Amino acid sequence: MKPSTNYSPSPSSPTLRAESGEQNGHGWAPVLPVNFKPKDAAAYLTLSPRTLWEETRQGHIHAARVGRRLIYPRAELDRFIAVRMAQAS
């Protein structure tokens, strides 16, 4: 049976666990990926996928294209959060 191609773990998925041995006192600490698929990037930013696409299209969030896929670097998402928080202050 071919595995589903729609599966992509969310940043808080229990399948993303630290392999370095670092613990947070309650078991293994979740490890965030370096790059996010659009669906996971939207969840990380608490935006809808459509809003994420609009922010990308307008140039507020930069994504890398790998083949036909968009990949969002976590550093770029964190930069976007910092800019939005600074604008809100």
N, C-alpha and C. Protein backbone atom coordinates (compact mmCIF):
# COMPACT_ATOMS: atom_id res chain seq x y z
N MET A 1 0.84 -1.18 0.00
CA MET A 1 0.00 0.00 0.00
C MET A 1 0.88 1.24 0.00
N LYS A 2 0.56 2.18 -0.86
CA LYS A 2 1.31 3.42 -0.97
C LYS A 2 0.91 4.36 0.17
N PRO A 3 1.89 4.95 0.88
CA PRO A 3 1.54 5.87 1.97
C PRO A 3 0.88 7.13 1.41
N SER A 4 0.05 7.72 2.23
CA SER A 4 -0.65 8.95 1.84
C SER A 4 0.36 10.08 1.64
N THR A 5 0.18 10.84 0.57
CA THR A 5 1.07 11.97 0.31
C THR A 5 0.57 13.24 0.98
N ASN A 6 -0.60 13.18 1.59
CA ASN A 6 -1.17 14.37 2.23
C ASN A 6 -0.68 14.56 3.66
N TYR A 7 0.03 13.59 4.22
CA TYR A 7 0.47 13.69 5.60
C TYR A 7 1.63 14.65 5.73
N SER A 8 1.49 15.61 6.60
CA SER A 8 2.61 16.46 6.98
C SER A 8 2.42 16.80 8.45
N PRO A 9 3.38 16.40 9.29
CA PRO A 9 3.20 16.63 10.72
C PRO A 9 3.19 18.11 11.07
N SER A 10 2.33 18.46 11.99
CA SER A 10 2.30 19.84 12.45
C SER A 10 3.49 20.08 13.36
N PRO A 11 3.84 21.35 13.58
CA PRO A 11 5.01 21.63 14.44
C PRO A 11 4.91 21.04 15.84
N SER A 12 3.70 20.81 16.34
CA SER A 12 3.55 20.26 17.69
C SER A 12 3.32 18.75 17.66
N SER A 13 3.50 18.13 16.52
CA SER A 13 3.28 16.70 16.37
C SER A 13 4.19 15.91 17.29
N PRO A 14 3.65 14.85 17.91
CA PRO A 14 4.50 14.03 18.77
C PRO A 14 5.56 13.27 17.97
N THR A 15 5.43 13.22 16.64
CA THR A 15 6.45 12.54 15.85
C THR A 15 7.69 13.38 15.69
N LEU A 16 7.60 14.67 15.98
CA LEU A 16 8.77 15.55 15.90
C LEU A 16 9.36 15.69 17.29
N ARG A 17 10.25 14.84 17.64
CA ARG A 17 10.84 14.84 18.98
C ARG A 17 12.34 15.02 18.90
N ALA A 18 12.90 15.53 19.97
CA ALA A 18 14.35 15.77 20.01
C ALA A 18 15.10 14.45 19.98
N GLU A 19 16.13 14.40 19.19
CA GLU A 19 16.98 13.23 19.14
C GLU A 19 18.32 13.52 19.82
N SER A 20 18.50 14.75 20.25
CA SER A 20 19.77 15.14 20.85
C SER A 20 19.87 14.76 22.32
N GLY A 21 18.78 14.30 22.92
CA GLY A 21 18.80 13.95 24.33
C GLY A 21 18.35 15.08 25.22
N GLU A 22 18.04 16.23 24.66
CA GLU A 22 17.59 17.37 25.44
C GLU A 22 16.14 17.14 25.88
N GLN A 23 15.87 17.33 27.16
CA GLN A 23 14.52 17.13 27.67
C GLN A 23 14.03 18.40 28.32
N ASN A 24 12.70 18.54 28.38
CA ASN A 24 12.12 19.74 28.98
C ASN A 24 11.53 19.46 30.36
N GLY A 25 11.82 18.32 30.94
CA GLY A 25 11.29 17.98 32.25
C GLY A 25 10.00 17.18 32.18
N HIS A 26 9.36 17.16 31.05
CA HIS A 26 8.12 16.42 30.86
C HIS A 26 8.26 15.40 29.73
N GLY A 27 9.46 14.96 29.47
CA GLY A 27 9.70 14.06 28.35
C GLY A 27 10.51 14.79 27.29
N TRP A 28 10.46 14.28 26.10
CA TRP A 28 11.23 14.87 25.01
C TRP A 28 10.61 16.18 24.55
N ALA A 29 11.46 17.16 24.29
CA ALA A 29 11.00 18.46 23.80
C ALA A 29 10.71 18.36 22.31
N PRO A 30 9.62 18.96 21.84
CA PRO A 30 9.34 18.92 20.40
C PRO A 30 10.39 19.72 19.63
N VAL A 31 10.73 19.24 18.48
CA VAL A 31 11.70 19.90 17.62
C VAL A 31 10.94 20.49 16.43
N LEU A 32 11.07 21.79 16.24
CA LEU A 32 10.43 22.43 15.10
C LEU A 32 11.28 22.22 13.86
N PRO A 33 10.65 21.99 12.73
CA PRO A 33 11.42 21.82 11.50
C PRO A 33 12.08 23.13 11.08
N VAL A 34 13.13 23.03 10.30
CA VAL A 34 13.83 24.20 9.79
C VAL A 34 13.02 24.85 8.68
N ASN A 35 12.35 24.02 7.88
CA ASN A 35 11.51 24.49 6.78
C ASN A 35 10.10 23.93 6.94
N PHE A 36 9.12 24.74 6.55
CA PHE A 36 7.72 24.35 6.68
C PHE A 36 7.06 24.25 5.32
N LYS A 37 6.16 23.29 5.18
CA LYS A 37 5.25 23.27 4.04
C LYS A 37 4.22 24.36 4.29
N PRO A 38 3.54 24.83 3.24
CA PRO A 38 2.57 25.92 3.43
C PRO A 38 1.53 25.67 4.52
N LYS A 39 0.98 24.48 4.57
CA LYS A 39 -0.04 24.16 5.58
C LYS A 39 0.52 24.30 7.00
N ASP A 40 1.73 23.79 7.21
CA ASP A 40 2.34 23.88 8.53
C ASP A 40 2.80 25.29 8.84
N ALA A 41 3.26 26.02 7.83
CA ALA A 41 3.66 27.42 8.03
C ALA A 41 2.45 28.25 8.46
N ALA A 42 1.30 28.02 7.83
CA ALA A 42 0.08 28.74 8.21
C ALA A 42 -0.29 28.43 9.65
N ALA A 43 -0.20 27.17 10.05
CA ALA A 43 -0.52 26.79 11.43
C ALA A 43 0.47 27.43 12.40
N TYR A 44 1.74 27.46 12.05
CA TYR A 44 2.79 28.05 12.90
C TYR A 44 2.50 29.54 13.13
N LEU A 45 2.01 30.22 12.09
CA LEU A 45 1.72 31.65 12.19
C LEU A 45 0.30 31.93 12.65
N THR A 46 -0.47 30.90 12.87
CA THR A 46 -1.90 30.99 13.19
C THR A 46 -2.65 31.84 12.16
N LEU A 47 -2.35 31.57 10.89
CA LEU A 47 -3.05 32.18 9.77
C LEU A 47 -3.74 31.09 8.97
N SER A 48 -4.69 31.49 8.17
CA SER A 48 -5.26 30.53 7.24
C SER A 48 -4.27 30.34 6.09
N PRO A 49 -4.31 29.20 5.41
CA PRO A 49 -3.43 29.02 4.26
C PRO A 49 -3.63 30.10 3.20
N ARG A 50 -4.86 30.57 3.02
CA ARG A 50 -5.14 31.63 2.04
C ARG A 50 -4.46 32.94 2.44
N THR A 51 -4.52 33.29 3.72
CA THR A 51 -3.87 34.51 4.20
C THR A 51 -2.36 34.39 4.06
N LEU A 52 -1.82 33.22 4.35
CA LEU A 52 -0.38 33.00 4.17
C LEU A 52 -0.01 33.23 2.71
N TRP A 53 -0.80 32.72 1.79
CA TRP A 53 -0.52 32.90 0.37
C TRP A 53 -0.57 34.38 0.00
N GLU A 54 -1.55 35.11 0.50
CA GLU A 54 -1.66 36.54 0.21
C GLU A 54 -0.46 37.31 0.75
N GLU A 55 -0.03 36.98 1.96
CA GLU A 55 1.16 37.64 2.54
C GLU A 55 2.40 37.32 1.72
N THR A 56 2.49 36.09 1.21
CA THR A 56 3.62 35.69 0.36
C THR A 56 3.55 36.45 -0.97
N ARG A 57 2.38 36.50 -1.56
CA ARG A 57 2.20 37.16 -2.86
C ARG A 57 2.53 38.65 -2.77
N GLN A 58 2.19 39.27 -1.63
CA GLN A 58 2.46 40.69 -1.44
C GLN A 58 3.91 40.96 -1.04
N GLY A 59 4.69 39.92 -0.80
CA GLY A 59 6.10 40.09 -0.46
C GLY A 59 6.39 40.28 1.01
N HIS A 60 5.38 40.08 1.87
CA HIS A 60 5.59 40.23 3.31
C HIS A 60 6.28 39.02 3.93
N ILE A 61 6.11 37.87 3.31
CA ILE A 61 6.76 36.63 3.74
C ILE A 61 7.45 36.05 2.51
N HIS A 62 8.71 35.68 2.69
CA HIS A 62 9.46 35.12 1.57
C HIS A 62 9.48 33.60 1.68
N ALA A 63 9.30 32.95 0.55
CA ALA A 63 9.32 31.50 0.48
C ALA A 63 10.28 31.08 -0.63
N ALA A 64 10.83 29.90 -0.49
CA ALA A 64 11.70 29.34 -1.52
C ALA A 64 10.90 28.33 -2.32
N ARG A 65 11.11 28.33 -3.61
CA ARG A 65 10.44 27.35 -4.46
C ARG A 65 11.41 26.20 -4.71
N VAL A 66 10.99 25.01 -4.37
CA VAL A 66 11.76 23.79 -4.61
C VAL A 66 10.92 22.94 -5.55
N GLY A 67 11.29 22.94 -6.81
CA GLY A 67 10.45 22.30 -7.81
C GLY A 67 9.16 23.08 -7.93
N ARG A 68 8.05 22.42 -7.71
CA ARG A 68 6.74 23.09 -7.76
C ARG A 68 6.25 23.48 -6.36
N ARG A 69 7.03 23.17 -5.34
CA ARG A 69 6.62 23.39 -3.96
C ARG A 69 7.17 24.68 -3.38
N LEU A 70 6.39 25.29 -2.52
CA LEU A 70 6.88 26.43 -1.73
C LEU A 70 7.33 25.91 -0.38
N ILE A 71 8.47 26.36 0.06
CA ILE A 71 9.01 26.01 1.37
C ILE A 71 9.25 27.31 2.13
N TYR A 72 8.76 27.35 3.35
CA TYR A 72 8.92 28.53 4.20
C TYR A 72 9.97 28.26 5.27
N PRO A 73 11.11 28.95 5.23
CA PRO A 73 12.11 28.78 6.29
C PRO A 73 11.58 29.31 7.63
N ARG A 74 11.86 28.58 8.69
CA ARG A 74 11.38 28.99 10.02
C ARG A 74 11.92 30.36 10.38
N ALA A 75 13.16 30.67 10.00
CA ALA A 75 13.73 31.99 10.30
C ALA A 75 12.90 33.09 9.65
N GLU A 76 12.41 32.85 8.46
CA GLU A 76 11.57 33.85 7.77
C GLU A 76 10.23 34.01 8.49
N LEU A 77 9.66 32.92 8.95
CA LEU A 77 8.39 32.99 9.68
C LEU A 77 8.58 33.73 11.01
N ASP A 78 9.69 33.45 11.68
CA ASP A 78 9.99 34.15 12.94
C ASP A 78 10.21 35.65 12.69
N ARG A 79 10.85 35.99 11.57
CA ARG A 79 11.06 37.39 11.20
C ARG A 79 9.71 38.07 10.97
N PHE A 80 8.80 37.39 10.28
CA PHE A 80 7.47 37.93 10.02
C PHE A 80 6.73 38.19 11.33
N ILE A 81 6.82 37.27 12.26
CA ILE A 81 6.17 37.44 13.58
C ILE A 81 6.77 38.65 14.29
N ALA A 82 8.09 38.79 14.28
CA ALA A 82 8.74 39.91 14.96
C ALA A 82 8.34 41.24 14.35
N VAL A 83 8.25 41.30 13.02
CA VAL A 83 7.84 42.54 12.35
C VAL A 83 6.41 42.89 12.71
N ARG A 84 5.53 41.91 12.72
CA ARG A 84 4.12 42.17 13.06
C ARG A 84 3.97 42.59 14.52
N MET A 85 4.76 42.00 15.40
CA MET A 85 4.69 42.40 16.81
C MET A 85 5.21 43.83 16.99
N ALA A 86 6.26 44.18 16.27
CA ALA A 86 6.80 45.54 16.35
C ALA A 86 5.79 46.55 15.81
N GLN A 87 5.07 46.20 14.76
CA GLN A 87 4.06 47.11 14.19
C GLN A 87 2.89 47.28 15.16
N ALA A 88 2.59 46.24 15.94
CA ALA A 88 1.48 46.31 16.87
C ALA A 88 1.82 47.17 18.10
N SER A 89 3.09 47.35 18.37
CA SER A 89 3.50 48.11 19.56
C SER A 89 3.40 49.59 19.34
